[in-house]
Amino acid sequence: GIVMVVLLSYGLSILFTDTSRIIFNSVQCYYIYMELISILENLDELEVKLPKVFTKILGTSKESEE
């Protein structure tokens, strides 16, 4: 499904003569962001100590639970 969405976004960028490929690049950035968040969530579930910056992004703070 992801491959089809990326290909569709590329086609739309060509169709609308988007010379800077904003549509295509936006879709790619979205998927990269979602995968990075997923990796951080999995690390958090494995109880890997993450820097405070990442715990703020995830919205999970182990300090407030204690």
N, C-alpha and C. Protein backbone atom coordinates (compact mmCIF):
# COMPACT_ATOMS: atom_id res chain seq x y z
N GLY A 1 0.80 -1.18 0.00
CA GLY A 1 0.00 0.00 0.00
C GLY A 1 0.85 1.26 0.00
N ILE A 2 1.92 1.22 0.79
CA ILE A 2 2.79 2.40 0.89
C ILE A 2 3.43 2.70 -0.47
N VAL A 3 3.87 1.66 -1.15
CA VAL A 3 4.50 1.85 -2.47
C VAL A 3 3.52 2.48 -3.44
N MET A 4 2.27 2.06 -3.39
CA MET A 4 1.27 2.62 -4.30
C MET A 4 1.03 4.11 -3.98
N VAL A 5 0.98 4.46 -2.71
CA VAL A 5 0.77 5.86 -2.34
C VAL A 5 1.95 6.72 -2.80
N VAL A 6 3.16 6.21 -2.64
CA VAL A 6 4.35 6.96 -3.08
C VAL A 6 4.34 7.13 -4.60
N LEU A 7 4.01 6.06 -5.31
CA LEU A 7 3.93 6.16 -6.77
C LEU A 7 2.83 7.11 -7.21
N LEU A 8 1.69 7.08 -6.52
CA LEU A 8 0.60 7.99 -6.84
C LEU A 8 1.01 9.44 -6.59
N SER A 9 1.72 9.68 -5.49
CA SER A 9 2.16 11.05 -5.21
C SER A 9 3.15 11.54 -6.26
N TYR A 10 4.00 10.63 -6.75
CA TYR A 10 4.93 11.01 -7.81
C TYR A 10 4.17 11.34 -9.09
N GLY A 11 3.18 10.51 -9.40
CA GLY A 11 2.36 10.77 -10.59
C GLY A 11 1.61 12.09 -10.48
N LEU A 12 1.10 12.40 -9.30
CA LEU A 12 0.40 13.67 -9.11
C LEU A 12 1.35 14.85 -9.24
N SER A 13 2.58 14.68 -8.77
CA SER A 13 3.56 15.75 -8.93
C SER A 13 3.85 16.02 -10.40
N ILE A 14 3.92 14.96 -11.19
CA ILE A 14 4.15 15.13 -12.63
C ILE A 14 2.91 15.73 -13.30
N LEU A 15 1.72 15.23 -12.91
CA LEU A 15 0.47 15.69 -13.51
C LEU A 15 0.25 17.18 -13.29
N PHE A 16 0.53 17.65 -12.10
CA PHE A 16 0.32 19.06 -11.78
C PHE A 16 1.55 19.92 -12.08
N THR A 17 2.50 19.38 -12.81
CA THR A 17 3.76 20.05 -13.16
C THR A 17 4.39 20.72 -11.95
N ASP A 18 4.49 19.95 -10.89
CA ASP A 18 5.09 20.40 -9.64
C ASP A 18 6.60 20.23 -9.77
N THR A 19 7.28 21.29 -10.19
CA THR A 19 8.71 21.18 -10.50
C THR A 19 9.56 20.90 -9.26
N SER A 20 9.12 21.34 -8.09
CA SER A 20 9.90 21.07 -6.88
C SER A 20 9.44 19.79 -6.18
N ARG A 21 8.47 19.10 -6.75
CA ARG A 21 7.96 17.82 -6.24
C ARG A 21 7.50 17.91 -4.79
N ILE A 22 6.74 18.97 -4.47
CA ILE A 22 6.26 19.19 -3.11
C ILE A 22 5.35 18.05 -2.67
N ILE A 23 4.46 17.60 -3.53
CA ILE A 23 3.54 16.51 -3.18
C ILE A 23 4.32 15.24 -2.87
N PHE A 24 5.21 14.89 -3.76
CA PHE A 24 6.02 13.67 -3.61
C PHE A 24 6.89 13.73 -2.35
N ASN A 25 7.56 14.86 -2.14
CA ASN A 25 8.44 15.01 -0.98
C ASN A 25 7.65 15.03 0.33
N SER A 26 6.46 15.61 0.32
CA SER A 26 5.63 15.64 1.52
C SER A 26 5.21 14.24 1.93
N VAL A 27 4.84 13.43 0.98
CA VAL A 27 4.44 12.05 1.27
C VAL A 27 5.63 11.27 1.82
N GLN A 28 6.78 11.45 1.22
CA GLN A 28 7.98 10.76 1.72
C GLN A 28 8.31 11.20 3.14
N CYS A 29 8.25 12.48 3.42
CA CYS A 29 8.54 12.99 4.77
C CYS A 29 7.55 12.44 5.78
N TYR A 30 6.28 12.32 5.39
CA TYR A 30 5.27 11.76 6.28
C TYR A 30 5.62 10.33 6.66
N TYR A 31 5.96 9.51 5.68
CA TYR A 31 6.27 8.11 5.97
C TYR A 31 7.56 7.96 6.78
N ILE A 32 8.54 8.78 6.51
CA ILE A 32 9.78 8.75 7.30
C ILE A 32 9.48 9.15 8.75
N TYR A 33 8.69 10.18 8.94
CA TYR A 33 8.32 10.62 10.29
C TYR A 33 7.56 9.52 11.03
N MET A 34 6.61 8.89 10.38
CA MET A 34 5.82 7.84 11.02
C MET A 34 6.68 6.64 11.39
N GLU A 35 7.64 6.28 10.56
CA GLU A 35 8.53 5.16 10.86
C GLU A 35 9.46 5.49 12.03
N LEU A 36 9.95 6.72 12.07
CA LEU A 36 10.81 7.12 13.19
C LEU A 36 10.05 7.11 14.51
N ILE A 37 8.81 7.59 14.49
CA ILE A 37 7.98 7.56 15.70
C ILE A 37 7.73 6.12 16.12
N SER A 38 7.48 5.24 15.17
CA SER A 38 7.26 3.83 15.47
C SER A 38 8.49 3.20 16.12
N ILE A 39 9.65 3.51 15.60
CA ILE A 39 10.90 2.99 16.17
C ILE A 39 11.08 3.49 17.60
N LEU A 40 10.81 4.78 17.83
CA LEU A 40 10.94 5.34 19.18
C LEU A 40 9.94 4.70 20.14
N GLU A 41 8.71 4.45 19.67
CA GLU A 41 7.71 3.79 20.52
C GLU A 41 8.15 2.37 20.87
N ASN A 42 8.71 1.67 19.91
CA ASN A 42 9.18 0.30 20.17
C ASN A 42 10.34 0.30 21.16
N LEU A 43 11.25 1.26 21.03
CA LEU A 43 12.35 1.36 21.99
C LEU A 43 11.83 1.68 23.38
N ASP A 44 10.80 2.52 23.44
CA ASP A 44 10.20 2.86 24.73
C ASP A 44 9.54 1.63 25.36
N GLU A 45 8.88 0.82 24.55
CA GLU A 45 8.26 -0.41 25.04
C GLU A 45 9.30 -1.41 25.55
N LEU A 46 10.47 -1.41 24.94
CA LEU A 46 11.56 -2.29 25.38
C LEU A 46 12.30 -1.70 26.58
N GLU A 47 11.81 -0.56 27.06
CA GLU A 47 12.36 0.13 28.22
C GLU A 47 13.80 0.58 28.03
N VAL A 48 14.12 0.96 26.79
CA VAL A 48 15.42 1.57 26.50
C VAL A 48 15.33 3.02 26.97
N LYS A 49 16.34 3.46 27.69
CA LYS A 49 16.33 4.83 28.21
C LYS A 49 16.54 5.80 27.04
N LEU A 50 15.52 6.62 26.81
CA LEU A 50 15.55 7.59 25.72
C LEU A 50 15.83 8.98 26.28
N PRO A 51 16.49 9.82 25.50
CA PRO A 51 16.69 11.21 25.94
C PRO A 51 15.34 11.93 26.11
N LYS A 52 15.32 12.97 26.93
CA LYS A 52 14.09 13.70 27.23
C LYS A 52 13.43 14.28 25.98
N VAL A 53 14.22 14.62 24.99
CA VAL A 53 13.68 15.17 23.75
C VAL A 53 12.72 14.17 23.10
N PHE A 54 13.14 12.91 23.07
CA PHE A 54 12.31 11.88 22.45
C PHE A 54 11.09 11.53 23.29
N THR A 55 11.23 11.56 24.61
CA THR A 55 10.07 11.27 25.45
C THR A 55 9.03 12.39 25.35
N LYS A 56 9.48 13.62 25.12
CA LYS A 56 8.53 14.72 24.90
C LYS A 56 7.78 14.52 23.59
N ILE A 57 8.47 14.07 22.56
CA ILE A 57 7.84 13.82 21.27
C ILE A 57 6.79 12.72 21.40
N LEU A 58 7.13 11.67 22.14
CA LEU A 58 6.21 10.55 22.31
C LEU A 58 5.10 10.86 23.30
N GLY A 59 5.33 11.83 24.16
CA GLY A 59 4.32 12.16 25.16
C GLY A 59 4.33 11.20 26.33
N THR A 60 5.40 10.44 26.48
CA THR A 60 5.50 9.51 27.61
C THR A 60 6.62 9.97 28.51
N SER A 61 6.31 10.08 29.75
CA SER A 61 7.32 10.49 30.72
C SER A 61 7.29 9.52 31.87
N LYS A 62 8.34 8.75 32.02
CA LYS A 62 8.43 7.77 33.10
C LYS A 62 8.51 8.45 34.46
N GLU A 63 9.03 9.69 34.49
CA GLU A 63 9.19 10.40 35.75
C GLU A 63 7.85 10.76 36.35
N SER A 64 6.86 11.09 35.53
CA SER A 64 5.55 11.49 36.05
C SER A 64 4.76 10.29 36.55
N GLU A 65 5.09 9.08 36.10
CA GLU A 65 4.39 7.89 36.52
C GLU A 65 4.84 7.42 37.89
N GLU A 66 6.04 7.79 38.30
CA GLU A 66 6.59 7.31 39.57
C GLU A 66 6.07 8.09 40.74
